[in-house]
PDB file of N, CA and C in Angstrom:
ATOM      1  N   MET A   1     132.316 106.371 193.056  1.00  0.00           N
ATOM      2  CA  MET A   1     132.483 105.326 192.069  1.00  0.00           C
ATOM      3  C   MET A   1     132.840 104.012 192.742  1.00  0.00           C
ATOM      4  N   LYS A   2     133.681 104.088 193.793  1.00  0.00           N
ATOM      5  CA  LYS A   2     134.080 102.877 194.487  1.00  0.00           C
ATOM      6  C   LYS A   2     132.886 102.228 195.176  1.00  0.00           C
ATOM      7  N   THR A   3     131.980 103.046 195.688  1.00  0.00           N
ATOM      8  CA  THR A   3     130.801 102.507 196.358  1.00  0.00           C
ATOM      9  C   THR A   3     129.918 101.777 195.356  1.00  0.00           C
ATOM     10  N   ALA A   4     129.799 102.322 194.167  1.00  0.00           N
ATOM     11  CA  ALA A   4     128.982 101.680 193.138  1.00  0.00           C
ATOM     12  C   ALA A   4     129.592 100.339 192.738  1.00  0.00           C
ATOM     13  N   LEU A   5     130.905 100.280 192.640  1.00  0.00           N
ATOM     14  CA  LEU A   5     131.559  99.022 192.267  1.00  0.00           C
ATOM     15  C   LEU A   5     131.421  97.970 193.366  1.00  0.00           C
ATOM     16  N   ARG A   6     131.307  98.389 194.607  1.00  0.00           N
ATOM     17  CA  ARG A   6     131.107  97.438 195.697  1.00  0.00           C
ATOM     18  C   ARG A   6     129.694  96.864 195.681  1.00  0.00           C
ATOM     19  N   LEU A   7     128.747  97.628 195.150  1.00  0.00           N
ATOM     20  CA  LEU A   7     127.358  97.172 195.129  1.00  0.00           C
ATOM     21  C   LEU A   7     127.061  96.200 193.994  1.00  0.00           C
ATOM     22  N   VAL A   8     127.898  96.164 192.967  1.00  0.00           N
ATOM     23  CA  VAL A   8     127.638  95.293 191.815  1.00  0.00           C
ATOM     24  C   VAL A   8     127.597  93.822 192.210  1.00  0.00           C
ATOM     25  N   PRO A   9     128.559  93.288 192.965  1.00  0.00           N
ATOM     26  CA  PRO A   9     128.456  91.868 193.345  1.00  0.00           C
ATOM     27  C   PRO A   9     127.247  91.583 194.240  1.00  0.00           C
ATOM     28  N   ALA A  10     126.914  92.506 195.116  1.00  0.00           N
ATOM     29  CA  ALA A  10     125.759  92.305 195.986  1.00  0.00           C
ATOM     30  C   ALA A  10     124.471  92.293 195.174  1.00  0.00           C
ATOM     31  N   ALA A  11     124.379  93.174 194.193  1.00  0.00           N
ATOM     32  CA  ALA A  11     123.188  93.216 193.345  1.00  0.00           C
ATOM     33  C   ALA A  11     123.084  91.955 192.499  1.00  0.00           C
ATOM     34  N   ALA A  12     124.199  91.461 192.001  1.00  0.00           N
ATOM     35  CA  ALA A  12     124.187  90.237 191.203  1.00  0.00           C
ATOM     36  C   ALA A  12     123.752  89.053 192.055  1.00  0.00           C
ATOM     37  N   LEU A  13     124.243  88.970 193.272  1.00  0.00           N
ATOM     38  CA  LEU A  13     123.857  87.881 194.162  1.00  0.00           C
ATOM     39  C   LEU A  13     122.382  87.963 194.518  1.00  0.00           C
ATOM     40  N   ALA A  14     121.887  89.169 194.733  1.00  0.00           N
ATOM     41  CA  ALA A  14     120.472  89.337 195.071  1.00  0.00           C
ATOM     42  C   ALA A  14     119.582  88.961 193.891  1.00  0.00           C
ATOM     43  N   SER A  15     119.990  89.304 192.684  1.00  0.00           N
ATOM     44  CA  SER A  15     119.174  88.976 191.519  1.00  0.00           C
ATOM     45  C   SER A  15     119.166  87.479 191.245  1.00  0.00           C
ATOM     46  N   LEU A  16     120.219  86.772 191.619  1.00  0.00           N
ATOM     47  CA  LEU A  16     120.239  85.322 191.433  1.00  0.00           C
ATOM     48  C   LEU A  16     119.340  84.605 192.433  1.00  0.00           C
ATOM     49  N   SER A  17     119.117  85.200 193.591  1.00  0.00           N
ATOM     50  CA  SER A  17     118.312  84.542 194.613  1.00  0.00           C
ATOM     51  C   SER A  17     116.824  84.810 194.453  1.00  0.00           C
ATOM     52  N   VAL A  18     116.442  85.760 193.617  1.00  0.00           N
ATOM     53  CA  VAL A  18     115.023  86.094 193.443  1.00  0.00           C
ATOM     54  C   VAL A  18     114.222  84.931 192.881  1.00  0.00           C
ATOM     55  N   PRO A  19     114.672  84.216 191.835  1.00  0.00           N
ATOM     56  CA  PRO A  19     113.867  83.105 191.333  1.00  0.00           C
ATOM     57  C   PRO A  19     113.666  81.991 192.366  1.00  0.00           C
ATOM     58  N   ALA A  20     114.608  81.818 193.258  1.00  0.00           N
ATOM     59  CA  ALA A  20     114.458  80.786 194.282  1.00  0.00           C
ATOM     60  C   ALA A  20     113.324  81.131 195.233  1.00  0.00           C
ATOM     61  N   PHE A  21     113.191  82.401 195.580  1.00  0.00           N
ATOM     62  CA  PHE A  21     112.086  82.815 196.444  1.00  0.00           C
ATOM     63  C   PHE A  21     110.761  82.775 195.697  1.00  0.00           C
ATOM     64  N   ALA A  22     110.784  83.146 194.434  1.00  0.00           N
ATOM     65  CA  ALA A  22     109.554  83.221 193.657  1.00  0.00           C
ATOM     66  C   ALA A  22     109.004  81.833 193.335  1.00  0.00           C
ATOM     67  N   ALA A  23     109.860  80.827 193.253  1.00  0.00           N
ATOM     68  CA  ALA A  23     109.406  79.497 192.867  1.00  0.00           C
ATOM     69  C   ALA A  23     108.509  78.884 193.941  1.00  0.00           C
ATOM     70  N   GLY A  24     108.809  79.117 195.195  1.00  0.00           N
ATOM     71  CA  GLY A  24     108.019  78.513 196.260  1.00  0.00           C
ATOM     72  C   GLY A  24     106.881  79.386 196.757  1.00  0.00           C
ATOM     73  N   ALA A  25     106.822  80.613 196.283  1.00  0.00           N
ATOM     74  CA  ALA A  25     105.822  81.548 196.784  1.00  0.00           C
ATOM     75  C   ALA A  25     104.516  81.408 196.013  1.00  0.00           C
ATOM     76  N   THR A  26     103.427  81.516 196.714  1.00  0.00           N
ATOM     77  CA  THR A  26     102.122  81.555 196.068  1.00  0.00           C
ATOM     78  C   THR A  26     101.503  82.906 196.364  1.00  0.00           C
ATOM     79  N   GLY A  27     100.732  83.398 195.430  1.00  0.00           N
ATOM     80  CA  GLY A  27     100.107  84.701 195.596  1.00  0.00           C
ATOM     81  C   GLY A  27      98.927  84.618 196.543  1.00  0.00           C
ATOM     82  N   PRO A  28      98.376  85.760 196.882  1.00  0.00           N
ATOM     83  CA  PRO A  28      97.220  85.786 197.775  1.00  0.00           C
ATOM     84  C   PRO A  28      95.991  85.182 197.086  1.00  0.00           C
ATOM     85  N   ASP A  29      95.104  84.640 197.866  1.00  0.00           N
ATOM     86  CA  ASP A  29      93.897  84.004 197.347  1.00  0.00           C
ATOM     87  C   ASP A  29      92.751  85.016 197.385  1.00  0.00           C
ATOM     88  N   PHE A  30      92.328  85.477 196.216  1.00  0.00           N
ATOM     89  CA  PHE A  30      91.265  86.470 196.112  1.00  0.00           C
ATOM     90  C   PHE A  30      89.929  85.850 195.700  1.00  0.00           C
ATOM     91  N   THR A  31      89.799  84.539 195.802  1.00  0.00           N
ATOM     92  CA  THR A  31      88.570  83.906 195.342  1.00  0.00           C
ATOM     93  C   THR A  31      87.354  84.349 196.154  1.00  0.00           C
ATOM     94  N   ALA A  32      87.535  84.666 197.420  1.00  0.00           N
ATOM     95  CA  ALA A  32      86.403  85.126 198.229  1.00  0.00           C
ATOM     96  C   ALA A  32      85.867  86.457 197.703  1.00  0.00           C
ATOM     97  N   LEU A  33      86.755  87.294 197.181  1.00  0.00           N
ATOM     98  CA  LEU A  33      86.322  88.575 196.637  1.00  0.00           C
ATOM     99  C   LEU A  33      85.783  88.446 195.220  1.00  0.00           C
ATOM    100  N   THR A  34      86.464  87.656 194.394  1.00  0.00           N
ATOM    101  CA  THR A  34      86.071  87.578 192.990  1.00  0.00           C
ATOM    102  C   THR A  34      84.840  86.709 192.779  1.00  0.00           C
ATOM    103  N   ASP A  35      84.545  85.783 193.677  1.00  0.00           N
ATOM    104  CA  ASP A  35      83.346  84.968 193.540  1.00  0.00           C
ATOM    105  C   ASP A  35      82.080  85.784 193.782  1.00  0.00           C
ATOM    106  N   ALA A  36      82.187  86.865 194.524  1.00  0.00           N
ATOM    107  CA  ALA A  36      81.026  87.678 194.845  1.00  0.00           C
ATOM    108  C   ALA A  36      80.652  88.643 193.715  1.00  0.00           C
ATOM    109  N   VAL A  37      81.539  88.803 192.719  1.00  0.00           N
ATOM    110  CA  VAL A  37      81.285  89.740 191.629  1.00  0.00           C
ATOM    111  C   VAL A  37      80.849  88.967 190.403  1.00  0.00           C
ATOM    112  N   ASP A  38      79.748  89.406 189.808  1.00  0.00           N
ATOM    113  CA  ASP A  38      79.274  88.800 188.569  1.00  0.00           C
ATOM    114  C   ASP A  38      79.875  89.576 187.404  1.00  0.00           C
ATOM    115  N   PHE A  39      80.892  88.994 186.785  1.00  0.00           N
ATOM    116  CA  PHE A  39      81.587  89.690 185.717  1.00  0.00           C
ATOM    117  C   PHE A  39      80.796  89.699 184.422  1.00  0.00           C
ATOM    118  N   GLY A  40      79.772  88.875 184.310  1.00  0.00           N
ATOM    119  CA  GLY A  40      78.938  88.881 183.116  1.00  0.00           C
ATOM    120  C   GLY A  40      78.200  90.192 182.966  1.00  0.00           C
ATOM    121  N   THR A  41      77.600  90.666 184.035  1.00  0.00           N
ATOM    122  CA  THR A  41      76.880  91.940 183.965  1.00  0.00           C
ATOM    123  C   THR A  41      77.845  93.111 183.859  1.00  0.00           C
ATOM    124  N   THR A  42      79.022  92.965 184.442  1.00  0.00           N
ATOM    125  CA  THR A  42      80.019  94.029 184.346  1.00  0.00           C
ATOM    126  C   THR A  42      80.481  94.191 182.901  1.00  0.00           C
ATOM    127  N   SER A  43      80.764  93.093 182.242  1.00  0.00           N
ATOM    128  CA  SER A  43      81.202  93.191 180.842  1.00  0.00           C
ATOM    129  C   SER A  43      80.070  93.685 179.955  1.00  0.00           C
ATOM    130  N   ASP A  44      78.834  93.306 180.259  1.00  0.00           N
ATOM    131  CA  ASP A  44      77.695  93.832 179.495  1.00  0.00           C
ATOM    132  C   ASP A  44      77.595  95.341 179.639  1.00  0.00           C
ATOM    133  N   ALA A  45      77.801  95.835 180.843  1.00  0.00           N
ATOM    134  CA  ALA A  45      77.733  97.278 181.078  1.00  0.00           C
ATOM    135  C   ALA A  45      78.843  98.006 180.326  1.00  0.00           C
ATOM    136  N   ILE A  46      80.038  97.456 180.349  1.00  0.00           N
ATOM    137  CA  ILE A  46      81.161  98.088 179.660  1.00  0.00           C
ATOM    138  C   ILE A  46      80.926  98.094 178.155  1.00  0.00           C
ATOM    139  N   LEU A  47      80.430  96.983 177.621  1.00  0.00           N
ATOM    140  CA  LEU A  47      80.157  96.915 176.187  1.00  0.00           C
ATOM    141  C   LEU A  47      79.038  97.865 175.777  1.00  0.00           C
ATOM    142  N   SER A  48      78.030  98.019 176.617  1.00  0.00           N
ATOM    143  CA  SER A  48      76.942  98.931 176.266  1.00  0.00           C
ATOM    144  C   SER A  48      77.402 100.381 176.290  1.00  0.00           C
ATOM    145  N   VAL A  49      78.262 100.735 177.215  1.00  0.00           N
ATOM    146  CA  VAL A  49      78.812 102.094 177.233  1.00  0.00           C
ATOM    147  C   VAL A  49      79.652 102.327 175.985  1.00  0.00           C
ATOM    148  N   GLY A  50      80.431 101.326 175.598  1.00  0.00           N
ATOM    149  CA  GLY A  50      81.221 101.438 174.361  1.00  0.00           C
ATOM    150  C   GLY A  50      80.333 101.582 173.140  1.00  0.00           C
ATOM    151  N   ALA A  51      79.225 100.841 173.104  1.00  0.00           N
ATOM    152  CA  ALA A  51      78.296 100.939 171.973  1.00  0.00           C
ATOM    153  C   ALA A  51      77.661 102.326 171.904  1.00  0.00           C
ATOM    154  N   VAL A  52      77.325 102.894 173.047  1.00  0.00           N
ATOM    155  CA  VAL A  52      76.757 104.245 173.064  1.00  0.00           C
ATOM    156  C   VAL A  52      77.785 105.251 172.564  1.00  0.00           C
ATOM    157  N   ALA A  53      79.029 105.100 172.971  1.00  0.00           N
ATOM    158  CA  ALA A  53      80.077 106.026 172.530  1.00  0.00           C
ATOM    159  C   ALA A  53      80.293 105.921 171.024  1.00  0.00           C
ATOM    160  N   ILE A  54      80.302 104.704 170.494  1.00  0.00           N
ATOM    161  CA  ILE A  54      80.474 104.524 169.058  1.00  0.00           C
ATOM    162  C   ILE A  54      79.266 105.082 168.307  1.00  0.00           C
ATOM    163  N   GLY A  55      78.068 104.834 168.826  1.00  0.00           N
ATOM    164  CA  GLY A  55      76.865 105.367 168.191  1.00  0.00           C
ATOM    165  C   GLY A  55      76.873 106.882 168.154  1.00  0.00           C
ATOM    166  N   LEU A  56      77.280 107.496 169.246  1.00  0.00           N
ATOM    167  CA  LEU A  56      77.347 108.951 169.302  1.00  0.00           C
ATOM    168  C   LEU A  56      78.379 109.484 168.311  1.00  0.00           C
ATOM    169  N   THR A  57      79.498 108.797 168.197  1.00  0.00           N
ATOM    170  CA  THR A  57      80.529 109.203 167.242  1.00  0.00           C
ATOM    171  C   THR A  57      80.006 109.113 165.818  1.00  0.00           C
ATOM    172  N   LEU A  58      79.269 108.047 165.501  1.00  0.00           N
ATOM    173  CA  LEU A  58      78.703 107.903 164.156  1.00  0.00           C
ATOM    174  C   LEU A  58      77.675 108.991 163.862  1.00  0.00           C
ATOM    175  N   VAL A  59      76.888 109.357 164.856  1.00  0.00           N
ATOM    176  CA  VAL A  59      75.914 110.439 164.665  1.00  0.00           C
ATOM    177  C   VAL A  59      76.626 111.752 164.369  1.00  0.00           C
ATOM    178  N   VAL A  60      77.669 112.061 165.118  1.00  0.00           N
ATOM    179  CA  VAL A  60      78.417 113.299 164.901  1.00  0.00           C
ATOM    180  C   VAL A  60      79.054 113.300 163.521  1.00  0.00           C
ATOM    181  N   LEU A  61      79.642 112.173 163.114  1.00  0.00           N
ATOM    182  CA  LEU A  61      80.242 112.095 161.781  1.00  0.00           C
ATOM    183  C   LEU A  61      79.190 112.253 160.693  1.00  0.00           C
ATOM    184  N   GLY A  62      78.018 111.664 160.895  1.00  0.00           N
ATOM    185  CA  GLY A  62      76.939 111.805 159.926  1.00  0.00           C
ATOM    186  C   GLY A  62      76.470 113.244 159.794  1.00  0.00           C
ATOM    187  N   ILE A  63      76.340 113.925 160.918  1.00  0.00           N
ATOM    188  CA  ILE A  63      75.925 115.331 160.883  1.00  0.00           C
ATOM    189  C   ILE A  63      76.961 116.177 160.154  1.00  0.00           C
ATOM    190  N   ARG A  64      78.236 115.922 160.400  1.00  0.00           N
ATOM    191  CA  ARG A  64      79.290 116.664 159.706  1.00  0.00           C
ATOM    192  C   ARG A  64      79.225 116.430 158.200  1.00  0.00           C
ATOM    193  N   LYS A  65      78.989 115.169 157.817  1.00  0.00           N
ATOM    194  CA  LYS A  65      78.924 114.839 156.391  1.00  0.00           C
ATOM    195  C   LYS A  65      77.745 115.555 155.733  1.00  0.00           C
ATOM    196  N   VAL A  66      76.594 115.563 156.385  1.00  0.00           N
ATOM    197  CA  VAL A  66      75.421 116.252 155.841  1.00  0.00           C
ATOM    198  C   VAL A  66      75.688 117.749 155.742  1.00  0.00           C
ATOM    199  N   MET A  67      76.325 118.314 156.752  1.00  0.00           N
ATOM    200  CA  MET A  67      76.628 119.746 156.721  1.00  0.00           C
ATOM    201  C   MET A  67      77.596 120.077 155.573  1.00  0.00           C
ATOM    202  N   GLN A  68      78.562 119.206 155.301  1.00  0.00           N
ATOM    203  CA  GLN A  68      79.481 119.402 154.177  1.00  0.00           C
ATOM    204  C   GLN A  68      78.721 119.359 152.850  1.00  0.00           C
ATOM    205  N   MET A  69      77.770 118.438 152.741  1.00  0.00           N
ATOM    206  CA  MET A  69      76.982 118.333 151.508  1.00  0.00           C
ATOM    207  C   MET A  69      76.125 119.583 151.313  1.00  0.00           C
ATOM    208  N   ILE A  70      75.570 120.098 152.391  1.00  0.00           N
ATOM    209  CA  ILE A  70      74.742 121.301 152.298  1.00  0.00           C
ATOM    210  C   ILE A  70      75.592 122.495 151.904  1.00  0.00           C
ATOM    211  N   ARG A  71      76.775 122.621 152.488  1.00  0.00           N
ATOM    212  CA  ARG A  71      77.662 123.751 152.158  1.00  0.00           C
ATOM    213  C   ARG A  71      78.147 123.656 150.718  1.00  0.00           C
ATOM    214  N   ALA A  72      78.376 122.432 150.233  1.00  0.00           N
ATOM    215  CA  ALA A  72      78.897 122.255 148.877  1.00  0.00           C
ATOM    216  C   ALA A  72      77.868 122.583 147.802  1.00  0.00           C
ATOM    217  N   SER A  73      76.592 122.498 148.145  1.00  0.00           N
ATOM    218  CA  SER A  73      75.573 122.729 147.114  1.00  0.00           C
ATOM    219  C   SER A  73      75.200 124.178 146.972  1.00  0.00           C
TER     220      SER A  73
END
């Protein structure tokens, strides 16, 4: 318990100094990597996969509905 109480002031001091380091820091520059990727075609591919999944779900739901109608008659 005494060790934990000794760490509290050190942790408080460390947490106060974090914004000072973060203010002057800049992140890595990934423009060389991101400029080489065409995100337009990537988003088109993702949207088309989503459309296929939704279409397949609608087909399955439609088949279930027809089967329910057949069983009910």
